[in-house]
Amino acid sequence: QLLGYEDILGKNNYQGQSYYIIRRKTEHGYVFKKTTSKVKLK
């Protein structure tokens, strides 16, 4: 994380298969978000 990586799922969460992972480019780099909802994903 000190090297510029973001823990997308959060502390002690290893259930990556349970989430959609999305990203967005900003002026400062990329921002990541997770969601389980198909409606929110759309």
ModelCIF file with pLDDT and N, C-alpha, C, O atoms, coordinates in Angstrom:
data_MODEL
#
_entry.id   MODEL 
#
_entity.id                         1 
_entity.type                       polymer 
_entity.pdbx_number_of_molecules   1 
#
_entity_poly.entity_id                      1 
_entity_poly.type                           'polypeptide(L)' 
_entity_poly.nstd_linkage                   no 
_entity_poly.nstd_monomer                   no 
_entity_poly.pdbx_seq_one_letter_code       QLLGYEDILGKNNYQGQSYYIIRRKTEHGYVFKKTTSKVKLK 
_entity_poly.pdbx_seq_one_letter_code_can   QLLGYEDILGKNNYQGQSYYIIRRKTEHGYVFKKTTSKVKLK 
_entity_poly.pdbx_strand_id                 A 
#
loop_
_entity_poly_seq.entity_id 
_entity_poly_seq.num 
_entity_poly_seq.mon_id 
_entity_poly_seq.hetero 
1 1  GLN n 
1 2  LEU n 
1 3  LEU n 
1 4  GLY n 
1 5  TYR n 
1 6  GLU n 
1 7  ASP n 
1 8  ILE n 
1 9  LEU n 
1 10 GLY n 
1 11 LYS n 
1 12 ASN n 
1 13 ASN n 
1 14 TYR n 
1 15 GLN n 
1 16 GLY n 
1 17 GLN n 
1 18 SER n 
1 19 TYR n 
1 20 TYR n 
1 21 ILE n 
1 22 ILE n 
1 23 ARG n 
1 24 ARG n 
1 25 LYS n 
1 26 THR n 
1 27 GLU n 
1 28 HIS n 
1 29 GLY n 
1 30 TYR n 
1 31 VAL n 
1 32 PHE n 
1 33 LYS n 
1 34 LYS n 
1 35 THR n 
1 36 THR n 
1 37 SER n 
1 38 LYS n 
1 39 VAL n 
1 40 LYS n 
1 41 LEU n 
1 42 LYS n 
#
_struct_asym.id          A 
_struct_asym.entity_id   1 
#
loop_
_ma_qa_metric.id 
_ma_qa_metric.mode 
_ma_qa_metric.name 
_ma_qa_metric.software_group_id 
_ma_qa_metric.type 
1 global pLDDT . pLDDT 
2 local  pLDDT . pLDDT 
#
_ma_qa_metric_global.metric_id      1 
_ma_qa_metric_global.metric_value   90.98 
_ma_qa_metric_global.model_id       1 
_ma_qa_metric_global.ordinal_id     1 
#
loop_
_ma_qa_metric_local.label_asym_id 
_ma_qa_metric_local.label_comp_id 
_ma_qa_metric_local.label_seq_id 
_ma_qa_metric_local.metric_id 
_ma_qa_metric_local.metric_value 
_ma_qa_metric_local.model_id 
_ma_qa_metric_local.ordinal_id 
A GLN 1  2 75.00 1 1  
A LEU 2  2 79.00 1 2  
A LEU 3  2 81.00 1 3  
A GLY 4  2 82.00 1 4  
A TYR 5  2 86.00 1 5  
A GLU 6  2 88.00 1 6  
A ASP 7  2 88.00 1 7  
A ILE 8  2 90.00 1 8  
A LEU 9  2 89.00 1 9  
A GLY 10 2 87.00 1 10 
A LYS 11 2 84.00 1 11 
A ASN 12 2 83.00 1 12 
A ASN 13 2 84.00 1 13 
A TYR 14 2 82.00 1 14 
A GLN 15 2 86.00 1 15 
A GLY 16 2 86.00 1 16 
A GLN 17 2 91.00 1 17 
A SER 18 2 92.00 1 18 
A TYR 19 2 95.00 1 19 
A TYR 20 2 96.00 1 20 
A ILE 21 2 95.00 1 21 
A ILE 22 2 96.00 1 22 
A ARG 23 2 96.00 1 23 
A ARG 24 2 96.00 1 24 
A LYS 25 2 96.00 1 25 
A THR 26 2 94.00 1 26 
A GLU 27 2 94.00 1 27 
A HIS 28 2 92.00 1 28 
A GLY 29 2 94.00 1 29 
A TYR 30 2 95.00 1 30 
A VAL 31 2 96.00 1 31 
A PHE 32 2 95.00 1 32 
A LYS 33 2 96.00 1 33 
A LYS 34 2 95.00 1 34 
A THR 35 2 95.00 1 35 
A THR 36 2 95.00 1 36 
A SER 37 2 95.00 1 37 
A LYS 38 2 96.00 1 38 
A VAL 39 2 96.00 1 39 
A LYS 40 2 96.00 1 40 
A LEU 41 2 97.00 1 41 
A LYS 42 2 97.00 1 42 
#
loop_
_atom_site.group_PDB 
_atom_site.id 
_atom_site.type_symbol 
_atom_site.label_atom_id 
_atom_site.label_alt_id 
_atom_site.label_comp_id 
_atom_site.label_asym_id 
_atom_site.label_entity_id 
_atom_site.label_seq_id 
_atom_site.pdbx_PDB_ins_code 
_atom_site.Cartn_x 
_atom_site.Cartn_y 
_atom_site.Cartn_z 
_atom_site.occupancy 
_atom_site.B_iso_or_equiv 
_atom_site.pdbx_formal_charge 
_atom_site.auth_seq_id 
_atom_site.auth_comp_id 
_atom_site.auth_asym_id 
_atom_site.auth_atom_id 
_atom_site.pdbx_PDB_model_num 
ATOM 1   N N  . GLN A 1 1  ? 0.823   -1.204  0.000   1.00 75.00 ? 1  GLN A N  1 
ATOM 2   C CA . GLN A 1 1  ? 0.000   0.000   0.000   1.00 75.00 ? 1  GLN A CA 1 
ATOM 3   C C  . GLN A 1 1  ? 0.862   1.261   0.000   1.00 75.00 ? 1  GLN A C  1 
ATOM 4   O O  . GLN A 1 1  ? 0.465   2.281   -0.564  1.00 75.00 ? 1  GLN A O  1 
ATOM 5   N N  . LEU A 1 2  ? 2.028   1.200   0.622   1.00 79.00 ? 2  LEU A N  1 
ATOM 6   C CA . LEU A 1 2  ? 2.951   2.336   0.597   1.00 79.00 ? 2  LEU A CA 1 
ATOM 7   C C  . LEU A 1 2  ? 3.503   2.579   -0.810  1.00 79.00 ? 2  LEU A C  1 
ATOM 8   O O  . LEU A 1 2  ? 3.956   3.682   -1.119  1.00 79.00 ? 2  LEU A O  1 
ATOM 9   N N  . LEU A 1 3  ? 3.466   1.552   -1.659  1.00 81.00 ? 3  LEU A N  1 
ATOM 10  C CA . LEU A 1 3  ? 3.938   1.672   -3.043  1.00 81.00 ? 3  LEU A CA 1 
ATOM 11  C C  . LEU A 1 3  ? 2.857   2.180   -3.996  1.00 81.00 ? 3  LEU A C  1 
ATOM 12  O O  . LEU A 1 3  ? 3.080   2.256   -5.204  1.00 81.00 ? 3  LEU A O  1 
ATOM 13  N N  . GLY A 1 4  ? 1.690   2.527   -3.458  1.00 82.00 ? 4  GLY A N  1 
ATOM 14  C CA . GLY A 1 4  ? 0.641   3.100   -4.294  1.00 82.00 ? 4  GLY A CA 1 
ATOM 15  C C  . GLY A 1 4  ? -0.472  2.148   -4.671  1.00 82.00 ? 4  GLY A C  1 
ATOM 16  O O  . GLY A 1 4  ? -1.251  2.431   -5.581  1.00 82.00 ? 4  GLY A O  1 
ATOM 17  N N  . TYR A 1 5  ? -0.556  1.014   -3.976  1.00 86.00 ? 5  TYR A N  1 
ATOM 18  C CA . TYR A 1 5  ? -1.631  0.062   -4.234  1.00 86.00 ? 5  TYR A CA 1 
ATOM 19  C C  . TYR A 1 5  ? -2.730  0.259   -3.198  1.00 86.00 ? 5  TYR A C  1 
ATOM 20  O O  . TYR A 1 5  ? -2.463  0.580   -2.040  1.00 86.00 ? 5  TYR A O  1 
ATOM 21  N N  . GLU A 1 6  ? -3.953  0.063   -3.630  1.00 88.00 ? 6  GLU A N  1 
ATOM 22  C CA . GLU A 1 6  ? -5.116  0.234   -2.764  1.00 88.00 ? 6  GLU A CA 1 
ATOM 23  C C  . GLU A 1 6  ? -5.730  -1.129  -2.481  1.00 88.00 ? 6  GLU A C  1 
ATOM 24  O O  . GLU A 1 6  ? -5.954  -1.915  -3.402  1.00 88.00 ? 6  GLU A O  1 
ATOM 25  N N  . ASP A 1 7  ? -6.002  -1.411  -1.220  1.00 88.00 ? 7  ASP A N  1 
ATOM 26  C CA . ASP A 1 7  ? -6.693  -2.646  -0.832  1.00 88.00 ? 7  ASP A CA 1 
ATOM 27  C C  . ASP A 1 7  ? -8.170  -2.443  -1.148  1.00 88.00 ? 7  ASP A C  1 
ATOM 28  O O  . ASP A 1 7  ? -8.890  -1.795  -0.387  1.00 88.00 ? 7  ASP A O  1 
ATOM 29  N N  . ILE A 1 8  ? -8.612  -2.988  -2.251  1.00 90.00 ? 8  ILE A N  1 
ATOM 30  C CA . ILE A 1 8  ? -9.966  -2.713  -2.740  1.00 90.00 ? 8  ILE A CA 1 
ATOM 31  C C  . ILE A 1 8  ? -11.036 -3.331  -1.851  1.00 90.00 ? 8  ILE A C  1 
ATOM 32  O O  . ILE A 1 8  ? -12.074 -2.710  -1.620  1.00 90.00 ? 8  ILE A O  1 
ATOM 33  N N  . LEU A 1 9  ? -10.811 -4.520  -1.355  1.00 89.00 ? 9  LEU A N  1 
ATOM 34  C CA . LEU A 1 9  ? -11.841 -5.226  -0.598  1.00 89.00 ? 9  LEU A CA 1 
ATOM 35  C C  . LEU A 1 9  ? -11.916 -4.808  0.862   1.00 89.00 ? 9  LEU A C  1 
ATOM 36  O O  . LEU A 1 9  ? -12.958 -4.975  1.497   1.00 89.00 ? 9  LEU A O  1 
ATOM 37  N N  . GLY A 1 10 ? -10.843 -4.274  1.398   1.00 87.00 ? 10 GLY A N  1 
ATOM 38  C CA . GLY A 1 10 ? -10.814 -3.877  2.801   1.00 87.00 ? 10 GLY A CA 1 
ATOM 39  C C  . GLY A 1 10 ? -10.132 -4.920  3.669   1.00 87.00 ? 10 GLY A C  1 
ATOM 40  O O  . GLY A 1 10 ? -9.916  -6.058  3.250   1.00 87.00 ? 10 GLY A O  1 
ATOM 41  N N  . LYS A 1 11 ? -9.805  -4.517  4.866   1.00 84.00 ? 11 LYS A N  1 
ATOM 42  C CA . LYS A 1 11 ? -9.067  -5.353  5.800   1.00 84.00 ? 11 LYS A CA 1 
ATOM 43  C C  . LYS A 1 11 ? -9.810  -6.662  6.088   1.00 84.00 ? 11 LYS A C  1 
ATOM 44  O O  . LYS A 1 11 ? -11.017 -6.666  6.332   1.00 84.00 ? 11 LYS A O  1 
ATOM 45  N N  . ASN A 1 12 ? -9.074  -7.754  6.056   1.00 83.00 ? 12 ASN A N  1 
ATOM 46  C CA . ASN A 1 12 ? -9.572  -9.100  6.376   1.00 83.00 ? 12 ASN A CA 1 
ATOM 47  C C  . ASN A 1 12 ? -10.702 -9.579  5.465   1.00 83.00 ? 12 ASN A C  1 
ATOM 48  O O  . ASN A 1 12 ? -11.443 -10.487 5.843   1.00 83.00 ? 12 ASN A O  1 
ATOM 49  N N  . ASN A 1 13 ? -10.851 -9.006  4.299   1.00 84.00 ? 13 ASN A N  1 
ATOM 50  C CA . ASN A 1 13 ? -11.846 -9.464  3.332   1.00 84.00 ? 13 ASN A CA 1 
ATOM 51  C C  . ASN A 1 13 ? -11.108 -10.116 2.172   1.00 84.00 ? 13 ASN A C  1 
ATOM 52  O O  . ASN A 1 13 ? -10.353 -9.460  1.454   1.00 84.00 ? 13 ASN A O  1 
ATOM 53  N N  . TYR A 1 14 ? -11.334 -11.407 1.998   1.00 82.00 ? 14 TYR A N  1 
ATOM 54  C CA . TYR A 1 14 ? -10.659 -12.180 0.952   1.00 82.00 ? 14 TYR A CA 1 
ATOM 55  C C  . TYR A 1 14 ? -11.671 -12.793 -0.015  1.00 82.00 ? 14 TYR A C  1 
ATOM 56  O O  . TYR A 1 14 ? -11.355 -13.754 -0.717  1.00 82.00 ? 14 TYR A O  1 
ATOM 57  N N  . GLN A 1 15 ? -12.866 -12.251 -0.055  1.00 86.00 ? 15 GLN A N  1 
ATOM 58  C CA . GLN A 1 15 ? -13.949 -12.802 -0.874  1.00 86.00 ? 15 GLN A CA 1 
ATOM 59  C C  . GLN A 1 15 ? -14.096 -12.050 -2.193  1.00 86.00 ? 15 GLN A C  1 
ATOM 60  O O  . GLN A 1 15 ? -15.192 -11.602 -2.531  1.00 86.00 ? 15 GLN A O  1 
ATOM 61  N N  . GLY A 1 16 ? -13.009 -11.910 -2.936  1.00 86.00 ? 16 GLY A N  1 
ATOM 62  C CA . GLY A 1 16 ? -13.009 -11.163 -4.187  1.00 86.00 ? 16 GLY A CA 1 
ATOM 63  C C  . GLY A 1 16 ? -14.017 -11.652 -5.204  1.00 86.00 ? 16 GLY A C  1 
ATOM 64  O O  . GLY A 1 16 ? -14.528 -10.864 -5.999  1.00 86.00 ? 16 GLY A O  1 
ATOM 65  N N  . GLN A 1 17 ? -14.314 -12.955 -5.189  1.00 91.00 ? 17 GLN A N  1 
ATOM 66  C CA . GLN A 1 17 ? -15.264 -13.499 -6.153  1.00 91.00 ? 17 GLN A CA 1 
ATOM 67  C C  . GLN A 1 17 ? -16.685 -13.005 -5.898  1.00 91.00 ? 17 GLN A C  1 
ATOM 68  O O  . GLN A 1 17 ? -17.556 -13.169 -6.752  1.00 91.00 ? 17 GLN A O  1 
ATOM 69  N N  . SER A 1 18 ? -16.927 -12.411 -4.749  1.00 92.00 ? 18 SER A N  1 
ATOM 70  C CA . SER A 1 18 ? -18.266 -11.927 -4.396  1.00 92.00 ? 18 SER A CA 1 
ATOM 71  C C  . SER A 1 18 ? -18.566 -10.528 -4.927  1.00 92.00 ? 18 SER A C  1 
ATOM 72  O O  . SER A 1 18 ? -19.674 -10.024 -4.747  1.00 92.00 ? 18 SER A O  1 
ATOM 73  N N  . TYR A 1 19 ? -17.584 -9.893  -5.585  1.00 95.00 ? 19 TYR A N  1 
ATOM 74  C CA . TYR A 1 19 ? -17.732 -8.494  -5.982  1.00 95.00 ? 19 TYR A CA 1 
ATOM 75  C C  . TYR A 1 19 ? -17.415 -8.249  -7.454  1.00 95.00 ? 19 TYR A C  1 
ATOM 76  O O  . TYR A 1 19 ? -16.609 -8.947  -8.069  1.00 95.00 ? 19 TYR A O  1 
ATOM 77  N N  . TYR A 1 20 ? -18.082 -7.229  -7.994  1.00 96.00 ? 20 TYR A N  1 
ATOM 78  C CA . TYR A 1 20 ? -17.633 -6.601  -9.227  1.00 96.00 ? 20 TYR A CA 1 
ATOM 79  C C  . TYR A 1 20 ? -16.589 -5.582  -8.791  1.00 96.00 ? 20 TYR A C  1 
ATOM 80  O O  . TYR A 1 20 ? -16.790 -4.896  -7.789  1.00 96.00 ? 20 TYR A O  1 
ATOM 81  N N  . ILE A 1 21 ? -15.489 -5.463  -9.508  1.00 95.00 ? 21 ILE A N  1 
ATOM 82  C CA . ILE A 1 21 ? -14.509 -4.424  -9.227  1.00 95.00 ? 21 ILE A CA 1 
ATOM 83  C C  . ILE A 1 21 ? -14.485 -3.492  -10.423 1.00 95.00 ? 21 ILE A C  1 
ATOM 84  O O  . ILE A 1 21 ? -14.312 -3.921  -11.564 1.00 95.00 ? 21 ILE A O  1 
ATOM 85  N N  . ILE A 1 22 ? -14.660 -2.213  -10.144 1.00 96.00 ? 22 ILE A N  1 
ATOM 86  C CA . ILE A 1 22 ? -14.690 -1.209  -11.198 1.00 96.00 ? 22 ILE A CA 1 
ATOM 87  C C  . ILE A 1 22 ? -13.625 -0.152  -10.915 1.00 96.00 ? 22 ILE A C  1 
ATOM 88  O O  . ILE A 1 22 ? -13.143 -0.022  -9.790  1.00 96.00 ? 22 ILE A O  1 
ATOM 89  N N  . ARG A 1 23 ? -13.270 0.596   -11.955 1.00 96.00 ? 23 ARG A N  1 
ATOM 90  C CA . ARG A 1 23 ? -12.287 1.665   -11.793 1.00 96.00 ? 23 ARG A CA 1 
ATOM 91  C C  . ARG A 1 23 ? -12.693 2.875   -12.613 1.00 96.00 ? 23 ARG A C  1 
ATOM 92  O O  . ARG A 1 23 ? -13.492 2.792   -13.546 1.00 96.00 ? 23 ARG A O  1 
ATOM 93  N N  . ARG A 1 24 ? -12.107 4.012   -12.224 1.00 96.00 ? 24 ARG A N  1 
ATOM 94  C CA . ARG A 1 24 ? -12.356 5.256   -12.944 1.00 96.00 ? 24 ARG A CA 1 
ATOM 95  C C  . ARG A 1 24 ? -11.059 6.049   -12.953 1.00 96.00 ? 24 ARG A C  1 
ATOM 96  O O  . ARG A 1 24 ? -10.364 6.129   -11.940 1.00 96.00 ? 24 ARG A O  1 
ATOM 97  N N  . LYS A 1 25 ? -10.738 6.631   -14.093 1.00 96.00 ? 25 LYS A N  1 
ATOM 98  C CA . LYS A 1 25 ? -9.551  7.468   -14.221 1.00 96.00 ? 25 LYS A CA 1 
ATOM 99  C C  . LYS A 1 25 ? -9.886  8.862   -13.729 1.00 96.00 ? 25 LYS A C  1 
ATOM 100 O O  . LYS A 1 25 ? -10.912 9.434   -14.096 1.00 96.00 ? 25 LYS A O  1 
ATOM 101 N N  . THR A 1 26 ? -9.006  9.406   -12.888 1.00 94.00 ? 26 THR A N  1 
ATOM 102 C CA . THR A 1 26 ? -9.157  10.775  -12.409 1.00 94.00 ? 26 THR A CA 1 
ATOM 103 C C  . THR A 1 26 ? -7.897  11.544  -12.774 1.00 94.00 ? 26 THR A C  1 
ATOM 104 O O  . THR A 1 26 ? -6.975  10.983  -13.366 1.00 94.00 ? 26 THR A O  1 
ATOM 105 N N  . GLU A 1 27 ? -7.852  12.802  -12.429 1.00 94.00 ? 27 GLU A N  1 
ATOM 106 C CA . GLU A 1 27 ? -6.666  13.605  -12.741 1.00 94.00 ? 27 GLU A CA 1 
ATOM 107 C C  . GLU A 1 27 ? -5.459  13.182  -11.916 1.00 94.00 ? 27 GLU A C  1 
ATOM 108 O O  . GLU A 1 27 ? -4.328  13.522  -12.261 1.00 94.00 ? 27 GLU A O  1 
ATOM 109 N N  . HIS A 1 28 ? -5.682  12.442  -10.827 1.00 92.00 ? 28 HIS A N  1 
ATOM 110 C CA . HIS A 1 28 ? -4.588  12.010  -9.956  1.00 92.00 ? 28 HIS A CA 1 
ATOM 111 C C  . HIS A 1 28 ? -4.262  10.526  -10.099 1.00 92.00 ? 28 HIS A C  1 
ATOM 112 O O  . HIS A 1 28 ? -3.428  10.013  -9.353  1.00 92.00 ? 28 HIS A O  1 
ATOM 113 N N  . GLY A 1 29 ? -4.887  9.834   -11.022 1.00 94.00 ? 29 GLY A N  1 
ATOM 114 C CA . GLY A 1 29 ? -4.657  8.398   -11.198 1.00 94.00 ? 29 GLY A CA 1 
ATOM 115 C C  . GLY A 1 29 ? -5.978  7.657   -11.267 1.00 94.00 ? 29 GLY A C  1 
ATOM 116 O O  . GLY A 1 29 ? -6.966  8.178   -11.785 1.00 94.00 ? 29 GLY A O  1 
ATOM 117 N N  . TYR A 1 30 ? -5.991  6.439   -10.742 1.00 95.00 ? 30 TYR A N  1 
ATOM 118 C CA . TYR A 1 30 ? -7.189  5.614   -10.788 1.00 95.00 ? 30 TYR A CA 1 
ATOM 119 C C  . TYR A 1 30 ? -7.811  5.464   -9.407  1.00 95.00 ? 30 TYR A C  1 
ATOM 120 O O  . TYR A 1 30 ? -7.114  5.453   -8.393  1.00 95.00 ? 30 TYR A O  1 
ATOM 121 N N  . VAL A 1 31 ? -9.126  5.348   -9.386  1.00 96.00 ? 31 VAL A N  1 
ATOM 122 C CA . VAL A 1 31 ? -9.893  5.091   -8.177  1.00 96.00 ? 31 VAL A CA 1 
ATOM 123 C C  . VAL A 1 31 ? -10.627 3.776   -8.403  1.00 96.00 ? 31 VAL A C  1 
ATOM 124 O O  . VAL A 1 31 ? -11.167 3.544   -9.485  1.00 96.00 ? 31 VAL A O  1 
ATOM 125 N N  . PHE A 1 32 ? -10.651 2.916   -7.391  1.00 95.00 ? 32 PHE A N  1 
ATOM 126 C CA . PHE A 1 32 ? -11.307 1.617   -7.483  1.00 95.00 ? 32 PHE A CA 1 
ATOM 127 C C  . PHE A 1 32 ? -12.491 1.563   -6.539  1.00 95.00 ? 32 PHE A C  1 
ATOM 128 O O  . PHE A 1 32 ? -12.532 2.251   -5.519  1.00 95.00 ? 32 PHE A O  1 
ATOM 129 N N  . LYS A 1 33 ? -13.460 0.724   -6.906  1.00 96.00 ? 33 LYS A N  1 
ATOM 130 C CA . LYS A 1 33 ? -14.654 0.546   -6.093  1.00 96.00 ? 33 LYS A CA 1 
ATOM 131 C C  . LYS A 1 33 ? -15.119 -0.887  -6.275  1.00 96.00 ? 33 LYS A C  1 
ATOM 132 O O  . LYS A 1 33 ? -14.900 -1.491  -7.325  1.00 96.00 ? 33 LYS A O  1 
ATOM 133 N N  . LYS A 1 34 ? -15.760 -1.430  -5.251  1.00 95.00 ? 34 LYS A N  1 
ATOM 134 C CA . LYS A 1 34 ? -16.353 -2.760  -5.333  1.00 95.00 ? 34 LYS A CA 1 
ATOM 135 C C  . LYS A 1 34 ? -17.855 -2.639  -5.138  1.00 95.00 ? 34 LYS A C  1 
ATOM 136 O O  . LYS A 1 34 ? -18.329 -1.733  -4.452  1.00 95.00 ? 34 LYS A O  1 
ATOM 137 N N  . THR A 1 35 ? -18.592 -3.543  -5.734  1.00 95.00 ? 35 THR A N  1 
ATOM 138 C CA . THR A 1 35 ? -20.034 -3.586  -5.523  1.00 95.00 ? 35 THR A CA 1 
ATOM 139 C C  . THR A 1 35 ? -20.524 -5.013  -5.763  1.00 95.00 ? 35 THR A C  1 
ATOM 140 O O  . THR A 1 35 ? -19.920 -5.768  -6.526  1.00 95.00 ? 35 THR A O  1 
ATOM 141 N N  . THR A 1 36 ? -21.610 -5.366  -5.112  1.00 95.00 ? 36 THR A N  1 
ATOM 142 C CA . THR A 1 36 ? -22.213 -6.680  -5.328  1.00 95.00 ? 36 THR A CA 1 
ATOM 143 C C  . THR A 1 36 ? -23.490 -6.556  -6.161  1.00 95.00 ? 36 THR A C  1 
ATOM 144 O O  . THR A 1 36 ? -24.041 -7.561  -6.609  1.00 95.00 ? 36 THR A O  1 
ATOM 145 N N  . SER A 1 37 ? -23.948 -5.347  -6.363  1.00 95.00 ? 37 SER A N  1 
ATOM 146 C CA . SER A 1 37 ? -25.234 -5.091  -7.000  1.00 95.00 ? 37 SER A CA 1 
ATOM 147 C C  . SER A 1 37 ? -25.105 -4.888  -8.512  1.00 95.00 ? 37 SER A C  1 
ATOM 148 O O  . SER A 1 37 ? -24.322 -4.053  -8.965  1.00 95.00 ? 37 SER A O  1 
ATOM 149 N N  . LYS A 1 38 ? -25.863 -5.642  -9.277  1.00 96.00 ? 38 LYS A N  1 
ATOM 150 C CA . LYS A 1 38 ? -25.909 -5.487  -10.733 1.00 96.00 ? 38 LYS A CA 1 
ATOM 151 C C  . LYS A 1 38 ? -26.492 -4.115  -11.109 1.00 96.00 ? 38 LYS A C  1 
ATOM 152 O O  . LYS A 1 38 ? -26.058 -3.501  -12.083 1.00 96.00 ? 38 LYS A O  1 
ATOM 153 N N  . VAL A 1 39 ? -27.471 -3.643  -10.339 1.00 96.00 ? 39 VAL A N  1 
ATOM 154 C CA . VAL A 1 39 ? -28.094 -2.339  -10.591 1.00 96.00 ? 39 VAL A CA 1 
ATOM 155 C C  . VAL A 1 39 ? -27.068 -1.222  -10.401 1.00 96.00 ? 39 VAL A C  1 
ATOM 156 O O  . VAL A 1 39 ? -26.962 -0.327  -11.240 1.00 96.00 ? 39 VAL A O  1 
ATOM 157 N N  . LYS A 1 40 ? -26.310 -1.269  -9.297  1.00 96.00 ? 40 LYS A N  1 
ATOM 158 C CA . LYS A 1 40 ? -25.279 -0.258  -9.057  1.00 96.00 ? 40 LYS A CA 1 
ATOM 159 C C  . LYS A 1 40 ? -24.198 -0.328  -10.119 1.00 96.00 ? 40 LYS A C  1 
ATOM 160 O O  . LYS A 1 40 ? -23.700 0.702   -10.575 1.00 96.00 ? 40 LYS A O  1 
ATOM 161 N N  . LEU A 1 41 ? -23.831 -1.550  -10.518 1.00 97.00 ? 41 LEU A N  1 
ATOM 162 C CA . LEU A 1 41 ? -22.822 -1.716  -11.563 1.00 97.00 ? 41 LEU A CA 1 
ATOM 163 C C  . LEU A 1 41 ? -23.270 -1.018  -12.840 1.00 97.00 ? 41 LEU A C  1 
ATOM 164 O O  . LEU A 1 41 ? -22.491 -0.276  -13.438 1.00 97.00 ? 41 LEU A O  1 
ATOM 165 N N  . LYS A 1 42 ? -24.492 -1.238  -13.264 1.00 97.00 ? 42 LYS A N  1 
ATOM 166 C CA . LYS A 1 42 ? -25.005 -0.595  -14.480 1.00 97.00 ? 42 LYS A CA 1 
ATOM 167 C C  . LYS A 1 42 ? -24.967 0.928   -14.356 1.00 97.00 ? 42 LYS A C  1 
ATOM 168 O O  . LYS A 1 42 ? -25.361 1.633   -15.286 1.00 97.00 ? 42 LYS A O  1 
#
